[in-house]
N, C-alpha and C. Protein backbone atom coordinates (compact mmCIF):
# COMPACT_ATOMS: atom_id res chain seq x y z
N MET A 1 4.73 58.03 -57.08
CA MET A 1 5.63 57.46 -58.08
C MET A 1 6.84 58.37 -58.28
N GLY A 2 7.98 57.80 -58.55
CA GLY A 2 9.21 58.57 -58.67
C GLY A 2 9.31 59.35 -59.96
N ASP A 3 8.73 58.87 -61.04
CA ASP A 3 8.83 59.52 -62.34
C ASP A 3 7.47 60.10 -62.70
N LYS A 4 7.42 61.43 -62.88
CA LYS A 4 6.13 62.08 -63.14
C LYS A 4 5.52 61.63 -64.46
N LYS A 5 6.39 61.35 -65.46
CA LYS A 5 5.88 60.91 -66.75
C LYS A 5 5.21 59.54 -66.63
N LEU A 6 5.88 58.61 -65.93
CA LEU A 6 5.29 57.28 -65.73
C LEU A 6 4.01 57.38 -64.92
N ALA A 7 4.02 58.24 -63.90
CA ALA A 7 2.83 58.41 -63.07
C ALA A 7 1.66 58.92 -63.90
N SER A 8 1.94 59.88 -64.79
CA SER A 8 0.90 60.45 -65.63
C SER A 8 0.34 59.41 -66.60
N ILE A 9 1.22 58.63 -67.19
CA ILE A 9 0.80 57.58 -68.13
C ILE A 9 -0.10 56.57 -67.42
N CYS A 10 0.36 56.11 -66.27
CA CYS A 10 -0.39 55.11 -65.53
C CYS A 10 -1.77 55.65 -65.13
N LYS A 11 -1.82 56.89 -64.68
CA LYS A 11 -3.08 57.49 -64.26
C LYS A 11 -4.06 57.59 -65.43
N LYS A 12 -3.57 58.00 -66.59
CA LYS A 12 -4.44 58.14 -67.77
C LYS A 12 -4.95 56.78 -68.24
N LEU A 13 -4.08 55.79 -68.25
CA LEU A 13 -4.49 54.46 -68.69
C LEU A 13 -5.47 53.84 -67.70
N LEU A 14 -5.22 54.05 -66.41
CA LEU A 14 -6.11 53.51 -65.38
C LEU A 14 -7.49 54.14 -65.48
N SER A 15 -7.53 55.43 -65.78
CA SER A 15 -8.80 56.12 -65.93
C SER A 15 -9.60 55.57 -67.10
N ARG A 16 -8.90 55.18 -68.16
CA ARG A 16 -9.57 54.66 -69.35
C ARG A 16 -10.00 53.20 -69.18
N TYR A 17 -9.08 52.36 -68.68
CA TYR A 17 -9.31 50.92 -68.71
C TYR A 17 -9.66 50.31 -67.35
N GLY A 18 -9.38 51.02 -66.27
CA GLY A 18 -9.66 50.48 -64.94
C GLY A 18 -8.67 49.39 -64.55
N ASP A 19 -8.92 48.75 -63.41
CA ASP A 19 -8.07 47.66 -62.93
C ASP A 19 -8.34 46.43 -63.80
N LEU A 20 -7.28 45.87 -64.36
CA LEU A 20 -7.46 44.76 -65.31
C LEU A 20 -7.23 43.39 -64.68
N HIS A 21 -6.55 43.35 -63.54
CA HIS A 21 -6.38 42.09 -62.81
C HIS A 21 -5.88 40.96 -63.70
N TRP A 22 -4.73 41.14 -64.27
CA TRP A 22 -4.09 40.09 -65.07
C TRP A 22 -3.49 39.04 -64.16
N TRP A 23 -3.15 37.85 -64.52
CA TRP A 23 -3.15 37.23 -65.84
C TRP A 23 -4.39 36.35 -65.93
N PRO A 24 -5.03 36.21 -67.10
CA PRO A 24 -6.23 35.36 -67.20
C PRO A 24 -5.88 33.88 -67.13
N ALA A 25 -5.96 33.30 -65.94
CA ALA A 25 -5.64 31.88 -65.76
C ALA A 25 -6.29 31.38 -64.49
N ARG A 26 -6.52 30.08 -64.43
CA ARG A 26 -7.17 29.47 -63.27
C ARG A 26 -6.18 29.12 -62.17
N THR A 27 -4.96 28.83 -62.54
CA THR A 27 -3.95 28.41 -61.56
C THR A 27 -2.60 29.05 -61.89
N PRO A 28 -1.71 29.12 -60.92
CA PRO A 28 -0.36 29.62 -61.21
C PRO A 28 0.34 28.80 -62.29
N TYR A 29 0.14 27.50 -62.29
CA TYR A 29 0.80 26.69 -63.31
C TYR A 29 0.26 27.01 -64.70
N GLU A 30 -1.00 27.32 -64.79
CA GLU A 30 -1.56 27.70 -66.09
C GLU A 30 -0.92 29.00 -66.58
N VAL A 31 -0.58 29.89 -65.67
CA VAL A 31 0.16 31.10 -66.04
C VAL A 31 1.52 30.72 -66.63
N ILE A 32 2.21 29.79 -65.98
CA ILE A 32 3.52 29.34 -66.47
C ILE A 32 3.39 28.80 -67.89
N VAL A 33 2.40 27.94 -68.10
CA VAL A 33 2.17 27.37 -69.43
C VAL A 33 1.87 28.47 -70.44
N GLY A 34 0.99 29.40 -70.06
CA GLY A 34 0.63 30.49 -70.96
C GLY A 34 1.81 31.37 -71.30
N ALA A 35 2.69 31.61 -70.33
CA ALA A 35 3.86 32.46 -70.56
C ALA A 35 4.80 31.84 -71.58
N VAL A 36 4.88 30.51 -71.59
CA VAL A 36 5.72 29.83 -72.58
C VAL A 36 5.02 29.79 -73.93
N LEU A 37 3.74 29.44 -73.94
CA LEU A 37 3.03 29.28 -75.21
C LEU A 37 2.83 30.58 -75.95
N THR A 38 2.78 31.70 -75.24
CA THR A 38 2.51 32.98 -75.90
C THR A 38 3.71 33.53 -76.67
N GLN A 39 4.85 32.87 -76.56
CA GLN A 39 6.02 33.31 -77.32
C GLN A 39 5.75 33.20 -78.82
N ASN A 40 5.89 34.31 -79.52
CA ASN A 40 5.76 34.36 -80.98
C ASN A 40 4.40 33.91 -81.50
N THR A 41 3.36 34.20 -80.74
CA THR A 41 2.02 33.89 -81.23
C THR A 41 1.00 34.78 -80.57
N ALA A 42 -0.20 34.81 -81.12
CA ALA A 42 -1.29 35.61 -80.56
C ALA A 42 -1.92 34.88 -79.38
N TRP A 43 -2.46 35.66 -78.44
CA TRP A 43 -3.05 35.06 -77.25
C TRP A 43 -4.23 34.14 -77.60
N ALA A 44 -4.96 34.45 -78.65
CA ALA A 44 -6.08 33.60 -79.05
C ALA A 44 -5.62 32.18 -79.35
N ASN A 45 -4.43 32.04 -79.91
CA ASN A 45 -3.88 30.71 -80.18
C ASN A 45 -3.49 29.99 -78.90
N VAL A 46 -3.01 30.76 -77.93
CA VAL A 46 -2.66 30.19 -76.62
C VAL A 46 -3.91 29.65 -75.94
N GLU A 47 -4.99 30.39 -76.01
CA GLU A 47 -6.25 29.95 -75.40
C GLU A 47 -6.73 28.64 -76.00
N LYS A 48 -6.57 28.49 -77.30
CA LYS A 48 -6.97 27.24 -77.96
C LYS A 48 -6.11 26.08 -77.47
N ALA A 49 -4.80 26.33 -77.34
CA ALA A 49 -3.89 25.28 -76.87
C ALA A 49 -4.21 24.89 -75.43
N ILE A 50 -4.45 25.86 -74.57
CA ILE A 50 -4.76 25.57 -73.18
C ILE A 50 -6.08 24.82 -73.06
N ALA A 51 -7.05 25.17 -73.90
CA ALA A 51 -8.34 24.46 -73.90
C ALA A 51 -8.16 22.98 -74.22
N ASN A 52 -7.13 22.66 -75.00
CA ASN A 52 -6.88 21.26 -75.37
C ASN A 52 -6.45 20.40 -74.19
N PHE A 53 -6.06 21.02 -73.09
CA PHE A 53 -5.69 20.26 -71.90
C PHE A 53 -6.91 19.72 -71.16
N GLY A 54 -8.08 20.23 -71.51
CA GLY A 54 -9.29 19.75 -70.87
C GLY A 54 -9.89 20.76 -69.92
N GLU A 55 -10.97 20.37 -69.32
CA GLU A 55 -11.77 21.29 -68.50
C GLU A 55 -10.99 21.86 -67.32
N ASP A 56 -10.11 21.08 -66.72
CA ASP A 56 -9.35 21.54 -65.55
C ASP A 56 -8.07 22.28 -65.91
N GLY A 57 -7.75 22.35 -67.19
CA GLY A 57 -6.55 23.05 -67.62
C GLY A 57 -5.29 22.22 -67.41
N PRO A 58 -4.14 22.77 -67.75
CA PRO A 58 -2.89 22.02 -67.64
C PRO A 58 -2.48 21.77 -66.19
N ALA A 59 -1.96 20.59 -65.95
CA ALA A 59 -1.44 20.23 -64.63
C ALA A 59 0.02 19.85 -64.78
N PRO A 60 0.89 20.26 -63.85
CA PRO A 60 2.31 19.97 -64.00
C PRO A 60 2.62 18.48 -64.03
N GLU A 61 1.88 17.69 -63.26
CA GLU A 61 2.12 16.24 -63.24
C GLU A 61 1.85 15.63 -64.60
N PHE A 62 0.79 16.12 -65.27
CA PHE A 62 0.47 15.61 -66.60
C PHE A 62 1.56 15.98 -67.60
N VAL A 63 1.97 17.25 -67.60
CA VAL A 63 2.99 17.70 -68.55
C VAL A 63 4.30 16.97 -68.31
N ALA A 64 4.65 16.75 -67.06
CA ALA A 64 5.90 16.07 -66.73
C ALA A 64 5.93 14.64 -67.25
N SER A 65 4.77 13.97 -67.22
CA SER A 65 4.73 12.56 -67.60
C SER A 65 4.31 12.32 -69.05
N ALA A 66 3.75 13.33 -69.70
CA ALA A 66 3.24 13.15 -71.07
C ALA A 66 4.37 12.87 -72.05
N ARG A 67 4.10 12.01 -73.00
CA ARG A 67 5.06 11.77 -74.08
C ARG A 67 5.15 13.02 -74.94
N MET A 68 6.32 13.28 -75.46
CA MET A 68 6.54 14.51 -76.20
C MET A 68 5.60 14.68 -77.40
N PRO A 69 5.37 13.64 -78.21
CA PRO A 69 4.44 13.82 -79.35
C PRO A 69 3.03 14.20 -78.91
N LYS A 70 2.56 13.60 -77.81
CA LYS A 70 1.22 13.92 -77.33
C LYS A 70 1.15 15.36 -76.83
N LEU A 71 2.17 15.78 -76.08
CA LEU A 71 2.19 17.14 -75.57
C LEU A 71 2.26 18.15 -76.72
N ALA A 72 3.08 17.86 -77.70
CA ALA A 72 3.20 18.74 -78.86
C ALA A 72 1.88 18.86 -79.60
N ASP A 73 1.15 17.76 -79.70
CA ASP A 73 -0.14 17.79 -80.40
C ASP A 73 -1.16 18.62 -79.63
N ILE A 74 -1.13 18.53 -78.31
CA ILE A 74 -2.06 19.32 -77.47
C ILE A 74 -1.84 20.81 -77.68
N ILE A 75 -0.59 21.22 -77.73
CA ILE A 75 -0.29 22.66 -77.80
C ILE A 75 -0.12 23.14 -79.24
N ARG A 76 -0.45 22.32 -80.20
CA ARG A 76 -0.27 22.64 -81.62
C ARG A 76 -0.83 24.02 -82.00
N PRO A 77 -2.02 24.42 -81.52
CA PRO A 77 -2.55 25.73 -81.93
C PRO A 77 -1.63 26.91 -81.61
N ALA A 78 -0.73 26.76 -80.63
CA ALA A 78 0.14 27.87 -80.22
C ALA A 78 1.34 28.04 -81.15
N GLY A 79 1.52 27.14 -82.11
CA GLY A 79 2.64 27.25 -83.04
C GLY A 79 3.96 26.83 -82.41
N PHE A 80 4.94 26.51 -83.27
CA PHE A 80 6.25 26.05 -82.80
C PHE A 80 6.07 24.97 -81.72
N PHE A 81 5.11 24.07 -81.95
CA PHE A 81 4.66 23.17 -80.89
C PHE A 81 5.71 22.16 -80.46
N ASN A 82 6.55 21.70 -81.36
CA ASN A 82 7.60 20.76 -80.94
C ASN A 82 8.60 21.45 -80.02
N GLN A 83 8.97 22.66 -80.39
CA GLN A 83 9.92 23.45 -79.59
C GLN A 83 9.31 23.82 -78.24
N LYS A 84 8.07 24.25 -78.26
CA LYS A 84 7.43 24.69 -77.02
C LYS A 84 7.14 23.50 -76.09
N ALA A 85 6.94 22.32 -76.65
CA ALA A 85 6.77 21.14 -75.81
C ALA A 85 8.04 20.89 -74.99
N VAL A 86 9.19 21.07 -75.62
CA VAL A 86 10.46 20.94 -74.91
C VAL A 86 10.57 21.99 -73.82
N TYR A 87 10.17 23.21 -74.15
CA TYR A 87 10.23 24.30 -73.17
C TYR A 87 9.31 24.03 -71.98
N LEU A 88 8.11 23.52 -72.26
CA LEU A 88 7.17 23.22 -71.18
C LEU A 88 7.71 22.14 -70.26
N LYS A 89 8.32 21.13 -70.85
CA LYS A 89 8.94 20.07 -70.04
C LYS A 89 10.03 20.67 -69.15
N SER A 90 10.79 21.57 -69.71
CA SER A 90 11.92 22.17 -68.99
C SER A 90 11.45 23.02 -67.82
N VAL A 91 10.49 23.89 -68.06
CA VAL A 91 10.03 24.78 -66.98
C VAL A 91 9.23 24.00 -65.94
N THR A 92 8.57 22.93 -66.37
CA THR A 92 7.86 22.08 -65.42
C THR A 92 8.85 21.35 -64.53
N LYS A 93 9.97 20.94 -65.09
CA LYS A 93 11.03 20.32 -64.30
C LYS A 93 11.54 21.29 -63.23
N TRP A 94 11.66 22.56 -63.61
CA TRP A 94 12.06 23.57 -62.63
C TRP A 94 11.03 23.65 -61.50
N PHE A 95 9.75 23.69 -61.85
CA PHE A 95 8.68 23.79 -60.86
C PHE A 95 8.64 22.54 -59.97
N GLU A 96 8.96 21.40 -60.56
CA GLU A 96 9.01 20.15 -59.81
C GLU A 96 10.03 20.22 -58.68
N GLY A 97 11.10 20.98 -58.91
CA GLY A 97 12.11 21.16 -57.87
C GLY A 97 11.56 21.80 -56.61
N TYR A 98 10.40 22.42 -56.72
CA TYR A 98 9.71 23.02 -55.57
C TYR A 98 8.45 22.22 -55.21
N ASP A 99 8.41 20.98 -55.68
CA ASP A 99 7.28 20.09 -55.39
C ASP A 99 5.96 20.66 -55.90
N TYR A 100 6.03 21.45 -56.96
CA TYR A 100 4.84 22.08 -57.54
C TYR A 100 4.08 22.90 -56.48
N ASP A 101 4.80 23.43 -55.53
CA ASP A 101 4.21 24.14 -54.40
C ASP A 101 4.52 25.63 -54.52
N VAL A 102 3.51 26.42 -54.79
CA VAL A 102 3.67 27.86 -54.96
C VAL A 102 4.28 28.50 -53.71
N ARG A 103 3.88 28.01 -52.55
CA ARG A 103 4.39 28.58 -51.29
C ARG A 103 5.90 28.40 -51.17
N LYS A 104 6.40 27.25 -51.59
CA LYS A 104 7.83 27.00 -51.53
C LYS A 104 8.59 27.93 -52.48
N VAL A 105 8.02 28.16 -53.65
CA VAL A 105 8.65 29.08 -54.59
C VAL A 105 8.75 30.47 -53.98
N LYS A 106 7.67 30.93 -53.39
CA LYS A 106 7.59 32.30 -52.90
C LYS A 106 8.46 32.55 -51.67
N ARG A 107 8.96 31.48 -51.06
CA ARG A 107 9.87 31.65 -49.93
C ARG A 107 11.29 32.02 -50.37
N GLU A 108 11.58 31.79 -51.64
CA GLU A 108 12.93 32.01 -52.15
C GLU A 108 13.12 33.47 -52.59
N PRO A 109 14.35 33.97 -52.56
CA PRO A 109 14.62 35.33 -53.04
C PRO A 109 14.28 35.48 -54.52
N LEU A 110 13.73 36.61 -54.86
CA LEU A 110 13.33 36.87 -56.24
C LEU A 110 14.47 36.68 -57.23
N GLU A 111 15.63 37.23 -56.93
CA GLU A 111 16.75 37.15 -57.87
C GLU A 111 17.23 35.71 -58.07
N LYS A 112 17.14 34.91 -57.01
CA LYS A 112 17.51 33.50 -57.13
C LYS A 112 16.56 32.80 -58.11
N LEU A 113 15.27 33.02 -57.93
CA LEU A 113 14.27 32.41 -58.79
C LEU A 113 14.43 32.87 -60.24
N ARG A 114 14.67 34.16 -60.40
CA ARG A 114 14.82 34.70 -61.75
C ARG A 114 16.04 34.09 -62.44
N GLY A 115 17.12 33.94 -61.70
CA GLY A 115 18.32 33.31 -62.25
C GLY A 115 18.06 31.87 -62.65
N GLU A 116 17.31 31.15 -61.83
CA GLU A 116 16.98 29.76 -62.15
C GLU A 116 16.14 29.68 -63.42
N LEU A 117 15.17 30.55 -63.52
CA LEU A 117 14.30 30.53 -64.71
C LEU A 117 15.07 30.90 -65.97
N LEU A 118 15.95 31.88 -65.86
CA LEU A 118 16.74 32.29 -67.03
C LEU A 118 17.72 31.21 -67.46
N SER A 119 18.00 30.28 -66.56
CA SER A 119 18.87 29.15 -66.90
C SER A 119 18.07 27.96 -67.43
N THR A 120 16.74 28.12 -67.50
CA THR A 120 15.85 27.06 -67.96
C THR A 120 15.63 27.19 -69.46
N LYS A 121 15.73 26.10 -70.17
CA LYS A 121 15.60 26.12 -71.63
C LYS A 121 14.27 26.72 -72.06
N GLY A 122 14.32 27.70 -72.95
CA GLY A 122 13.12 28.31 -73.48
C GLY A 122 12.57 29.47 -72.68
N VAL A 123 13.27 29.84 -71.60
CA VAL A 123 12.78 30.94 -70.76
C VAL A 123 13.74 32.12 -70.87
N GLY A 124 13.26 33.19 -71.51
CA GLY A 124 14.03 34.42 -71.59
C GLY A 124 13.53 35.41 -70.55
N PRO A 125 14.06 36.63 -70.55
CA PRO A 125 13.69 37.61 -69.52
C PRO A 125 12.20 37.91 -69.44
N GLU A 126 11.54 38.10 -70.59
CA GLU A 126 10.12 38.43 -70.55
C GLU A 126 9.30 37.27 -69.99
N THR A 127 9.61 36.05 -70.41
CA THR A 127 8.89 34.88 -69.91
C THR A 127 9.14 34.69 -68.42
N ALA A 128 10.39 34.85 -68.01
CA ALA A 128 10.74 34.69 -66.59
C ALA A 128 9.99 35.71 -65.73
N ASP A 129 10.00 36.96 -66.14
CA ASP A 129 9.34 38.00 -65.36
C ASP A 129 7.83 37.82 -65.35
N SER A 130 7.26 37.35 -66.47
CA SER A 130 5.81 37.08 -66.51
C SER A 130 5.44 35.99 -65.52
N ILE A 131 6.25 34.94 -65.47
CA ILE A 131 6.00 33.84 -64.54
C ILE A 131 6.10 34.33 -63.10
N LEU A 132 7.14 35.08 -62.79
CA LEU A 132 7.35 35.53 -61.42
C LEU A 132 6.28 36.51 -60.97
N LEU A 133 5.90 37.42 -61.84
CA LEU A 133 4.90 38.42 -61.47
C LEU A 133 3.50 37.83 -61.43
N TYR A 134 3.12 37.14 -62.50
CA TYR A 134 1.72 36.73 -62.63
C TYR A 134 1.40 35.37 -62.01
N ALA A 135 2.37 34.47 -61.95
CA ALA A 135 2.11 33.17 -61.33
C ALA A 135 2.39 33.19 -59.83
N PHE A 136 3.44 33.95 -59.43
CA PHE A 136 3.88 33.88 -58.05
C PHE A 136 3.77 35.20 -57.28
N ASP A 137 3.19 36.22 -57.92
CA ASP A 137 2.97 37.51 -57.24
C ASP A 137 4.25 38.09 -56.65
N LEU A 138 5.31 38.09 -57.45
CA LEU A 138 6.59 38.65 -57.02
C LEU A 138 6.85 39.93 -57.80
N PRO A 139 7.40 40.97 -57.15
CA PRO A 139 7.51 42.29 -57.77
C PRO A 139 8.66 42.42 -58.77
N THR A 140 8.38 42.05 -60.01
CA THR A 140 9.34 42.22 -61.10
C THR A 140 8.57 42.72 -62.31
N PHE A 141 9.02 43.82 -62.91
CA PHE A 141 8.25 44.44 -63.99
C PHE A 141 8.52 43.72 -65.30
N VAL A 142 7.47 43.44 -66.04
CA VAL A 142 7.58 42.75 -67.33
C VAL A 142 7.74 43.77 -68.45
N ILE A 143 8.78 43.59 -69.23
CA ILE A 143 9.00 44.45 -70.40
C ILE A 143 8.72 43.62 -71.64
N ASP A 144 7.83 44.09 -72.48
CA ASP A 144 7.53 43.38 -73.72
C ASP A 144 7.58 44.35 -74.89
N ALA A 145 7.19 43.87 -76.06
CA ALA A 145 7.25 44.71 -77.26
C ALA A 145 6.34 45.93 -77.13
N TYR A 146 5.23 45.77 -76.42
CA TYR A 146 4.31 46.89 -76.24
C TYR A 146 4.93 47.99 -75.37
N THR A 147 5.64 47.57 -74.33
CA THR A 147 6.30 48.54 -73.46
C THR A 147 7.41 49.27 -74.21
N MET A 148 8.16 48.54 -75.00
CA MET A 148 9.22 49.14 -75.81
C MET A 148 8.63 50.14 -76.81
N ARG A 149 7.50 49.78 -77.38
CA ARG A 149 6.84 50.66 -78.35
C ARG A 149 6.39 51.95 -77.67
N LEU A 150 5.81 51.83 -76.49
CA LEU A 150 5.38 53.01 -75.74
C LEU A 150 6.56 53.93 -75.45
N CYS A 151 7.67 53.33 -75.00
CA CYS A 151 8.85 54.13 -74.67
C CYS A 151 9.39 54.87 -75.89
N GLY A 152 9.35 54.23 -77.03
CA GLY A 152 9.86 54.84 -78.25
C GLY A 152 8.98 55.95 -78.78
N ARG A 153 7.68 55.81 -78.60
CA ARG A 153 6.75 56.76 -79.20
C ARG A 153 6.41 57.93 -78.28
N TYR A 154 6.39 57.72 -76.97
CA TYR A 154 5.86 58.77 -76.10
C TYR A 154 6.67 60.05 -76.12
N PRO A 155 7.97 60.14 -76.01
CA PRO A 155 8.90 59.06 -75.72
C PRO A 155 9.28 59.04 -74.24
N ILE A 156 9.82 57.90 -73.82
CA ILE A 156 10.38 57.74 -72.48
C ILE A 156 11.81 57.29 -72.66
N ASP A 157 12.74 58.06 -72.12
CA ASP A 157 14.15 57.74 -72.28
C ASP A 157 14.56 56.68 -71.25
N ALA A 158 14.13 55.44 -71.51
CA ALA A 158 14.35 54.36 -70.55
C ALA A 158 15.48 53.44 -70.95
N GLY A 159 16.07 53.67 -72.12
CA GLY A 159 17.13 52.79 -72.61
C GLY A 159 16.65 51.98 -73.80
N LYS A 160 17.52 51.11 -74.28
CA LYS A 160 17.21 50.34 -75.48
C LYS A 160 17.06 48.84 -75.23
N THR A 161 17.70 48.35 -74.18
CA THR A 161 17.69 46.91 -73.93
C THR A 161 16.63 46.55 -72.89
N TYR A 162 16.32 45.27 -72.83
CA TYR A 162 15.35 44.78 -71.85
C TYR A 162 15.75 45.18 -70.44
N SER A 163 16.99 44.90 -70.09
CA SER A 163 17.44 45.16 -68.73
C SER A 163 17.44 46.65 -68.40
N GLN A 164 17.76 47.50 -69.38
CA GLN A 164 17.76 48.94 -69.15
C GLN A 164 16.34 49.46 -68.89
N VAL A 165 15.40 49.03 -69.72
CA VAL A 165 14.02 49.50 -69.57
C VAL A 165 13.40 48.96 -68.29
N LYS A 166 13.69 47.71 -67.99
CA LYS A 166 13.20 47.12 -66.74
C LYS A 166 13.73 47.90 -65.53
N ALA A 167 15.02 48.20 -65.55
CA ALA A 167 15.63 48.95 -64.44
C ALA A 167 15.02 50.34 -64.32
N TYR A 168 14.70 50.96 -65.46
CA TYR A 168 14.10 52.29 -65.44
C TYR A 168 12.72 52.25 -64.78
N PHE A 169 11.89 51.32 -65.23
CA PHE A 169 10.53 51.24 -64.67
C PHE A 169 10.58 50.90 -63.18
N GLU A 170 11.40 49.94 -62.81
CA GLU A 170 11.46 49.55 -61.41
C GLU A 170 12.11 50.62 -60.54
N GLY A 171 13.00 51.40 -61.14
CA GLY A 171 13.66 52.46 -60.38
C GLY A 171 12.82 53.71 -60.23
N ASN A 172 11.76 53.83 -61.05
CA ASN A 172 10.95 55.04 -61.03
C ASN A 172 9.49 54.78 -60.67
N LEU A 173 9.22 53.57 -60.18
CA LEU A 173 7.88 53.24 -59.70
C LEU A 173 8.01 52.68 -58.29
N PRO A 174 7.03 52.95 -57.44
CA PRO A 174 7.03 52.29 -56.13
C PRO A 174 6.99 50.78 -56.32
N LYS A 175 7.78 50.06 -55.58
CA LYS A 175 7.86 48.62 -55.73
C LYS A 175 6.57 47.97 -55.23
N GLY A 176 5.94 47.20 -56.10
CA GLY A 176 4.70 46.55 -55.67
C GLY A 176 4.11 45.67 -56.74
N VAL A 177 3.64 44.50 -56.34
CA VAL A 177 3.08 43.54 -57.29
C VAL A 177 1.84 44.11 -57.98
N GLU A 178 0.93 44.69 -57.23
CA GLU A 178 -0.32 45.19 -57.80
C GLU A 178 -0.06 46.28 -58.84
N LEU A 179 0.84 47.21 -58.53
CA LEU A 179 1.16 48.28 -59.47
C LEU A 179 1.84 47.72 -60.72
N TYR A 180 2.84 46.88 -60.55
CA TYR A 180 3.54 46.30 -61.70
C TYR A 180 2.58 45.49 -62.57
N ASN A 181 1.74 44.73 -61.92
CA ASN A 181 0.77 43.90 -62.64
C ASN A 181 -0.16 44.76 -63.48
N ASN A 182 -0.79 45.73 -62.82
CA ASN A 182 -1.81 46.50 -63.52
C ASN A 182 -1.22 47.45 -64.55
N PHE A 183 -0.07 48.06 -64.25
CA PHE A 183 0.53 48.99 -65.20
C PHE A 183 0.91 48.26 -66.49
N HIS A 184 1.53 47.10 -66.35
CA HIS A 184 1.88 46.35 -67.56
C HIS A 184 0.64 45.95 -68.34
N ALA A 185 -0.39 45.49 -67.63
CA ALA A 185 -1.64 45.10 -68.29
C ALA A 185 -2.27 46.29 -69.01
N LEU A 186 -2.19 47.47 -68.41
CA LEU A 186 -2.73 48.68 -69.03
C LEU A 186 -1.97 49.05 -70.30
N ILE A 187 -0.66 48.90 -70.27
CA ILE A 187 0.16 49.18 -71.45
C ILE A 187 -0.25 48.25 -72.59
N VAL A 188 -0.44 46.99 -72.27
CA VAL A 188 -0.84 45.99 -73.29
C VAL A 188 -2.22 46.33 -73.85
N ALA A 189 -3.15 46.65 -72.96
CA ALA A 189 -4.52 46.96 -73.40
C ALA A 189 -4.53 48.15 -74.34
N ASN A 190 -3.76 49.19 -74.00
CA ASN A 190 -3.74 50.38 -74.86
C ASN A 190 -3.01 50.11 -76.18
N ALA A 191 -2.00 49.25 -76.13
CA ALA A 191 -1.28 48.90 -77.36
C ALA A 191 -2.19 48.16 -78.33
N LYS A 192 -3.07 47.34 -77.81
CA LYS A 192 -3.98 46.59 -78.68
C LYS A 192 -5.09 47.47 -79.24
N GLU A 193 -5.48 48.49 -78.46
CA GLU A 193 -6.57 49.35 -78.90
C GLU A 193 -6.08 50.54 -79.72
N HIS A 194 -4.95 51.13 -79.32
CA HIS A 194 -4.49 52.35 -79.98
C HIS A 194 -3.04 52.28 -80.46
N CYS A 195 -2.12 51.91 -79.58
CA CYS A 195 -0.69 51.98 -79.90
C CYS A 195 -0.24 50.73 -80.65
N ARG A 196 -0.87 50.50 -81.80
CA ARG A 196 -0.58 49.33 -82.62
C ARG A 196 0.67 49.61 -83.47
N LYS A 197 1.07 48.61 -84.24
CA LYS A 197 2.20 48.84 -85.15
C LYS A 197 1.90 50.04 -86.02
N LYS A 198 0.67 50.11 -86.55
CA LYS A 198 0.19 51.30 -87.23
C LYS A 198 -0.75 51.99 -86.25
N PRO A 199 -0.28 53.03 -85.57
CA PRO A 199 -1.03 53.58 -84.43
C PRO A 199 -2.36 54.21 -84.81
N LEU A 200 -3.32 54.08 -83.90
CA LEU A 200 -4.61 54.76 -84.02
C LEU A 200 -4.67 55.80 -82.90
N CYS A 201 -4.12 56.96 -83.18
CA CYS A 201 -3.92 57.96 -82.13
C CYS A 201 -5.21 58.63 -81.69
N ALA A 202 -6.19 58.77 -82.58
CA ALA A 202 -7.43 59.46 -82.24
C ALA A 202 -8.13 58.73 -81.10
N GLY A 203 -8.35 59.45 -80.02
CA GLY A 203 -9.05 58.87 -78.88
C GLY A 203 -8.16 58.14 -77.90
N CYS A 204 -6.88 58.03 -78.20
CA CYS A 204 -5.95 57.36 -77.28
C CYS A 204 -5.83 58.18 -76.00
N PRO A 205 -5.88 57.55 -74.83
CA PRO A 205 -5.78 58.31 -73.58
C PRO A 205 -4.42 59.00 -73.40
N LEU A 206 -3.43 58.59 -74.19
CA LEU A 206 -2.10 59.20 -74.11
C LEU A 206 -1.84 60.18 -75.25
N GLU A 207 -2.84 60.45 -76.06
CA GLU A 207 -2.67 61.22 -77.29
C GLU A 207 -2.05 62.60 -77.05
N ARG A 208 -2.48 63.31 -76.03
CA ARG A 208 -2.01 64.69 -75.81
C ARG A 208 -0.55 64.79 -75.44
N GLY A 209 -0.03 63.79 -74.74
CA GLY A 209 1.36 63.86 -74.32
C GLY A 209 2.31 63.11 -75.22
N CYS A 210 1.76 62.30 -76.12
CA CYS A 210 2.60 61.43 -76.96
C CYS A 210 3.19 62.20 -78.14
N LYS A 211 4.43 61.88 -78.49
CA LYS A 211 5.10 62.55 -79.60
C LYS A 211 5.02 61.73 -80.89
N CYS A 212 4.23 60.65 -80.85
CA CYS A 212 4.10 59.80 -82.03
C CYS A 212 3.48 60.59 -83.18
N CYS A 213 4.06 60.43 -84.36
CA CYS A 213 3.51 61.08 -85.55
C CYS A 213 2.62 60.08 -86.28
N CYS A 214 1.33 60.23 -86.11
CA CYS A 214 0.38 59.27 -86.70
C CYS A 214 0.12 59.60 -88.17
């Protein structure tokens, strides 16, 4: 790894939590749906919404053809359901442009796909990168509130904006889907267990190097 601090963090988190193999979903499309539904809500609510699609989970053909009120009712547990129904329709329309074929998506340049997603209603940088990394196995690092919190507390001088922090991580880590996937998942896992809004520093695998004042 190019950055010794990032390498040390990743090694300590990996030692504690192991390989996490994110994202928890049955299909790439379910990842897309989850990435949209998880905006401004807890993952437990997303799981309830996804369960409402039935045993086989969400299918793009169903979402594309469903009436808006019905779709909104299905995803109600995720909150902001009317708004997110519009977003799901929008991102599904984008996927339809590739015939709902993961292989066709993966043939395209990463930056082209990212630009298309960022032009899709309801898809911001974090959602776009989550879809590209976790649904399509493309090497783009996801920056979320947990990553920002880690950078502020450890501290890591990676910048203040999404694009700055993303560029820092990608510029100081070997490029790779598996590494990006697991490192981000490890950051999230530690944020939920220790690096919370009100941190629980005792026992944190990063406690010795972190400058956070608990």
